[in-house]
Amino acid sequence: MLSTRSHVGDSCEITISKEILDKLHLTAGSQVDVRLEDGAERIVIQPVDAKAKRVDIDAEFASQVNDFIEKYRPALNELAK
């Protein structure tokens, strides 16, 4: 089961159960594609294919950005309002 949690600007966070995260091999910060299913009132969330990741982004830099976001998430959420 998914549930909306808190607001981030004009958006909402969604919580995904550990069972589903484990099944899809996702962790906090994993990239996913989110889309509306054509002709249905469904949201489809899929892991981003590892082969489709951009290769021109330095992995160490990306890690530092993720660390920064996690450390300052409350302040960033306030700024997004």
N, C-alpha and C. Protein backbone atom coordinates (compact mmCIF):
# COMPACT_ATOMS: atom_id res chain seq x y z
N MET A 1 0.84 -1.18 0.00
CA MET A 1 0.00 0.00 0.00
C MET A 1 0.88 1.23 0.00
N LEU A 2 0.47 2.23 -0.76
CA LEU A 2 1.16 3.50 -0.82
C LEU A 2 0.30 4.54 -0.12
N SER A 3 0.94 5.53 0.46
CA SER A 3 0.17 6.62 1.05
C SER A 3 0.92 7.93 0.84
N THR A 4 0.16 9.01 0.63
CA THR A 4 0.79 10.31 0.51
C THR A 4 1.20 10.76 1.90
N ARG A 5 2.29 11.49 1.98
CA ARG A 5 2.84 11.83 3.27
C ARG A 5 2.88 13.32 3.51
N SER A 6 3.79 14.00 2.92
CA SER A 6 3.93 15.43 3.17
C SER A 6 4.06 16.17 1.86
N HIS A 7 3.83 17.44 1.93
CA HIS A 7 3.91 18.28 0.74
C HIS A 7 5.34 18.75 0.51
N VAL A 8 5.74 18.77 -0.76
CA VAL A 8 7.02 19.32 -1.19
C VAL A 8 6.68 20.29 -2.30
N GLY A 9 6.60 21.57 -1.97
CA GLY A 9 6.14 22.55 -2.95
C GLY A 9 4.70 22.24 -3.32
N ASP A 10 4.43 22.13 -4.61
CA ASP A 10 3.08 21.80 -5.08
C ASP A 10 2.89 20.30 -5.23
N SER A 11 3.88 19.52 -4.81
CA SER A 11 3.84 18.06 -4.97
C SER A 11 3.60 17.39 -3.62
N CYS A 12 3.50 16.06 -3.65
CA CYS A 12 3.31 15.26 -2.45
C CYS A 12 4.28 14.09 -2.49
N GLU A 13 4.81 13.70 -1.34
CA GLU A 13 5.65 12.51 -1.26
C GLU A 13 4.76 11.29 -1.17
N ILE A 14 5.26 10.15 -1.64
CA ILE A 14 4.55 8.88 -1.54
C ILE A 14 5.44 7.90 -0.79
N THR A 15 4.87 7.19 0.16
CA THR A 15 5.59 6.18 0.91
C THR A 15 5.31 4.82 0.29
N ILE A 16 6.38 4.06 0.04
CA ILE A 16 6.26 2.72 -0.54
C ILE A 16 6.74 1.72 0.49
N SER A 17 5.99 0.64 0.68
CA SER A 17 6.33 -0.34 1.71
C SER A 17 7.69 -1.00 1.44
N LYS A 18 8.34 -1.44 2.50
CA LYS A 18 9.64 -2.10 2.40
C LYS A 18 9.54 -3.35 1.52
N GLU A 19 8.43 -4.05 1.62
CA GLU A 19 8.23 -5.27 0.81
C GLU A 19 8.33 -4.96 -0.68
N ILE A 20 7.67 -3.88 -1.12
CA ILE A 20 7.70 -3.51 -2.53
C ILE A 20 9.09 -2.99 -2.91
N LEU A 21 9.68 -2.17 -2.04
CA LEU A 21 11.03 -1.67 -2.31
C LEU A 21 12.01 -2.82 -2.50
N ASP A 22 11.94 -3.80 -1.62
CA ASP A 22 12.84 -4.96 -1.71
C ASP A 22 12.60 -5.74 -3.01
N LYS A 23 11.34 -5.92 -3.34
CA LYS A 23 11.01 -6.70 -4.55
C LYS A 23 11.54 -6.02 -5.81
N LEU A 24 11.52 -4.68 -5.82
CA LEU A 24 11.98 -3.93 -6.99
C LEU A 24 13.45 -3.51 -6.88
N HIS A 25 14.10 -3.92 -5.79
CA HIS A 25 15.51 -3.57 -5.54
C HIS A 25 15.71 -2.06 -5.52
N LEU A 26 14.81 -1.36 -4.82
CA LEU A 26 14.89 0.09 -4.69
C LEU A 26 15.30 0.46 -3.28
N THR A 27 15.97 1.59 -3.16
CA THR A 27 16.31 2.15 -1.86
C THR A 27 15.98 3.65 -1.92
N ALA A 28 16.06 4.33 -0.78
CA ALA A 28 15.85 5.77 -0.77
C ALA A 28 16.82 6.41 -1.75
N GLY A 29 16.29 7.25 -2.61
CA GLY A 29 17.12 7.91 -3.61
C GLY A 29 17.18 7.21 -4.95
N SER A 30 16.60 6.01 -5.04
CA SER A 30 16.56 5.31 -6.34
C SER A 30 15.75 6.13 -7.33
N GLN A 31 16.13 6.05 -8.59
CA GLN A 31 15.39 6.76 -9.62
C GLN A 31 14.29 5.87 -10.18
N VAL A 32 13.11 6.46 -10.33
CA VAL A 32 11.97 5.74 -10.89
C VAL A 32 11.29 6.63 -11.93
N ASP A 33 10.62 6.00 -12.88
CA ASP A 33 9.75 6.70 -13.81
C ASP A 33 8.34 6.64 -13.25
N VAL A 34 7.62 7.76 -13.31
CA VAL A 34 6.24 7.82 -12.84
C VAL A 34 5.39 8.32 -14.00
N ARG A 35 4.32 7.58 -14.31
CA ARG A 35 3.44 7.99 -15.40
C ARG A 35 2.01 7.55 -15.11
N LEU A 36 1.08 8.20 -15.79
CA LEU A 36 -0.32 7.78 -15.74
C LEU A 36 -0.53 6.74 -16.83
N GLU A 37 -1.19 5.65 -16.48
CA GLU A 37 -1.48 4.61 -17.46
C GLU A 37 -2.56 5.11 -18.41
N ASP A 38 -2.31 4.97 -19.70
CA ASP A 38 -3.27 5.42 -20.71
C ASP A 38 -4.62 4.76 -20.51
N GLY A 39 -5.67 5.59 -20.54
CA GLY A 39 -7.03 5.07 -20.48
C GLY A 39 -7.46 4.56 -19.12
N ALA A 40 -6.63 4.71 -18.11
CA ALA A 40 -7.01 4.23 -16.77
C ALA A 40 -6.60 5.27 -15.73
N GLU A 41 -7.22 5.19 -14.61
CA GLU A 41 -6.86 6.08 -13.51
C GLU A 41 -5.85 5.37 -12.62
N ARG A 42 -4.67 5.10 -13.18
CA ARG A 42 -3.61 4.40 -12.45
C ARG A 42 -2.29 5.14 -12.60
N ILE A 43 -1.53 5.10 -11.54
CA ILE A 43 -0.18 5.63 -11.57
C ILE A 43 0.76 4.44 -11.67
N VAL A 44 1.68 4.49 -12.62
CA VAL A 44 2.65 3.42 -12.81
C VAL A 44 4.02 3.95 -12.38
N ILE A 45 4.66 3.24 -11.46
CA ILE A 45 5.99 3.60 -10.98
C ILE A 45 6.92 2.45 -11.34
N GLN A 46 7.97 2.75 -12.13
CA GLN A 46 8.90 1.72 -12.57
C GLN A 46 10.33 2.16 -12.28
N PRO A 47 11.18 1.22 -11.85
CA PRO A 47 12.60 1.56 -11.68
C PRO A 47 13.19 1.99 -13.03
N VAL A 48 14.09 2.96 -12.99
CA VAL A 48 14.78 3.39 -14.20
C VAL A 48 15.79 2.32 -14.56
N ASP A 49 15.78 1.91 -15.81
CA ASP A 49 16.71 0.90 -16.29
C ASP A 49 18.14 1.38 -16.10
N ALA A 50 18.97 0.57 -15.48
CA ALA A 50 20.36 0.94 -15.21
C ALA A 50 21.10 1.30 -16.50
N LYS A 51 20.76 0.66 -17.61
CA LYS A 51 21.43 0.94 -18.88
C LYS A 51 21.07 2.31 -19.41
N ALA A 52 19.93 2.84 -18.98
CA ALA A 52 19.47 4.13 -19.49
C ALA A 52 20.04 5.31 -18.71
N LYS A 53 20.79 5.03 -17.64
CA LYS A 53 21.37 6.12 -16.84
C LYS A 53 22.37 6.90 -17.67
N ARG A 54 22.44 8.20 -17.40
CA ARG A 54 23.40 9.03 -18.10
C ARG A 54 24.80 8.68 -17.64
N VAL A 55 25.71 8.53 -18.58
CA VAL A 55 27.08 8.15 -18.25
C VAL A 55 27.99 9.35 -18.07
N ASP A 56 27.49 10.56 -18.40
CA ASP A 56 28.33 11.74 -18.29
C ASP A 56 28.26 12.42 -16.93
N ILE A 57 27.54 11.84 -15.99
CA ILE A 57 27.47 12.38 -14.64
C ILE A 57 28.45 11.62 -13.75
N ASP A 58 29.33 12.36 -13.13
CA ASP A 58 30.32 11.77 -12.25
C ASP A 58 29.63 11.14 -11.04
N ALA A 59 29.90 9.87 -10.78
CA ALA A 59 29.25 9.14 -9.69
C ALA A 59 29.55 9.76 -8.33
N GLU A 60 30.78 10.21 -8.11
CA GLU A 60 31.13 10.83 -6.82
C GLU A 60 30.36 12.13 -6.61
N PHE A 61 30.25 12.94 -7.67
CA PHE A 61 29.48 14.18 -7.58
C PHE A 61 28.01 13.89 -7.28
N ALA A 62 27.44 12.92 -7.98
CA ALA A 62 26.04 12.55 -7.76
C ALA A 62 25.84 12.10 -6.31
N SER A 63 26.79 11.36 -5.77
CA SER A 63 26.71 10.91 -4.38
C SER A 63 26.75 12.10 -3.41
N GLN A 64 27.61 13.08 -3.71
CA GLN A 64 27.70 14.27 -2.87
C GLN A 64 26.41 15.07 -2.91
N VAL A 65 25.79 15.18 -4.08
CA VAL A 65 24.52 15.88 -4.21
C VAL A 65 23.45 15.17 -3.40
N ASN A 66 23.38 13.84 -3.51
CA ASN A 66 22.40 13.07 -2.73
C ASN A 66 22.61 13.25 -1.23
N ASP A 67 23.86 13.23 -0.79
CA ASP A 67 24.17 13.45 0.63
C ASP A 67 23.70 14.83 1.08
N PHE A 68 23.95 15.84 0.26
CA PHE A 68 23.54 17.21 0.56
C PHE A 68 22.03 17.30 0.70
N ILE A 69 21.32 16.69 -0.25
CA ILE A 69 19.85 16.72 -0.22
C ILE A 69 19.33 16.06 1.05
N GLU A 70 19.87 14.91 1.40
CA GLU A 70 19.42 14.21 2.61
C GLU A 70 19.70 15.03 3.86
N LYS A 71 20.89 15.63 3.93
CA LYS A 71 21.28 16.41 5.11
C LYS A 71 20.40 17.65 5.29
N TYR A 72 20.06 18.31 4.18
CA TYR A 72 19.31 19.56 4.24
C TYR A 72 17.87 19.44 3.77
N ARG A 73 17.33 18.21 3.75
CA ARG A 73 15.97 18.00 3.26
C ARG A 73 14.92 18.89 3.94
N PRO A 74 14.93 19.02 5.27
CA PRO A 74 13.91 19.89 5.89
C PRO A 74 13.98 21.33 5.38
N ALA A 75 15.17 21.87 5.27
CA ALA A 75 15.31 23.25 4.79
C ALA A 75 14.89 23.35 3.31
N LEU A 76 15.27 22.37 2.51
CA LEU A 76 14.89 22.37 1.10
C LEU A 76 13.37 22.27 0.95
N ASN A 77 12.74 21.45 1.78
CA ASN A 77 11.27 21.34 1.74
C ASN A 77 10.62 22.66 2.08
N GLU A 78 11.15 23.38 3.08
CA GLU A 78 10.61 24.68 3.43
C GLU A 78 10.79 25.68 2.30
N LEU A 79 11.95 25.66 1.66
CA LEU A 79 12.20 26.55 0.54
C LEU A 79 11.27 26.26 -0.64
N ALA A 80 10.88 25.01 -0.80
CA ALA A 80 10.03 24.62 -1.92
C ALA A 80 8.59 25.09 -1.75
N LYS A 81 8.22 25.46 -0.53
CA LYS A 81 6.83 25.88 -0.28
C LYS A 81 6.52 27.23 -0.90
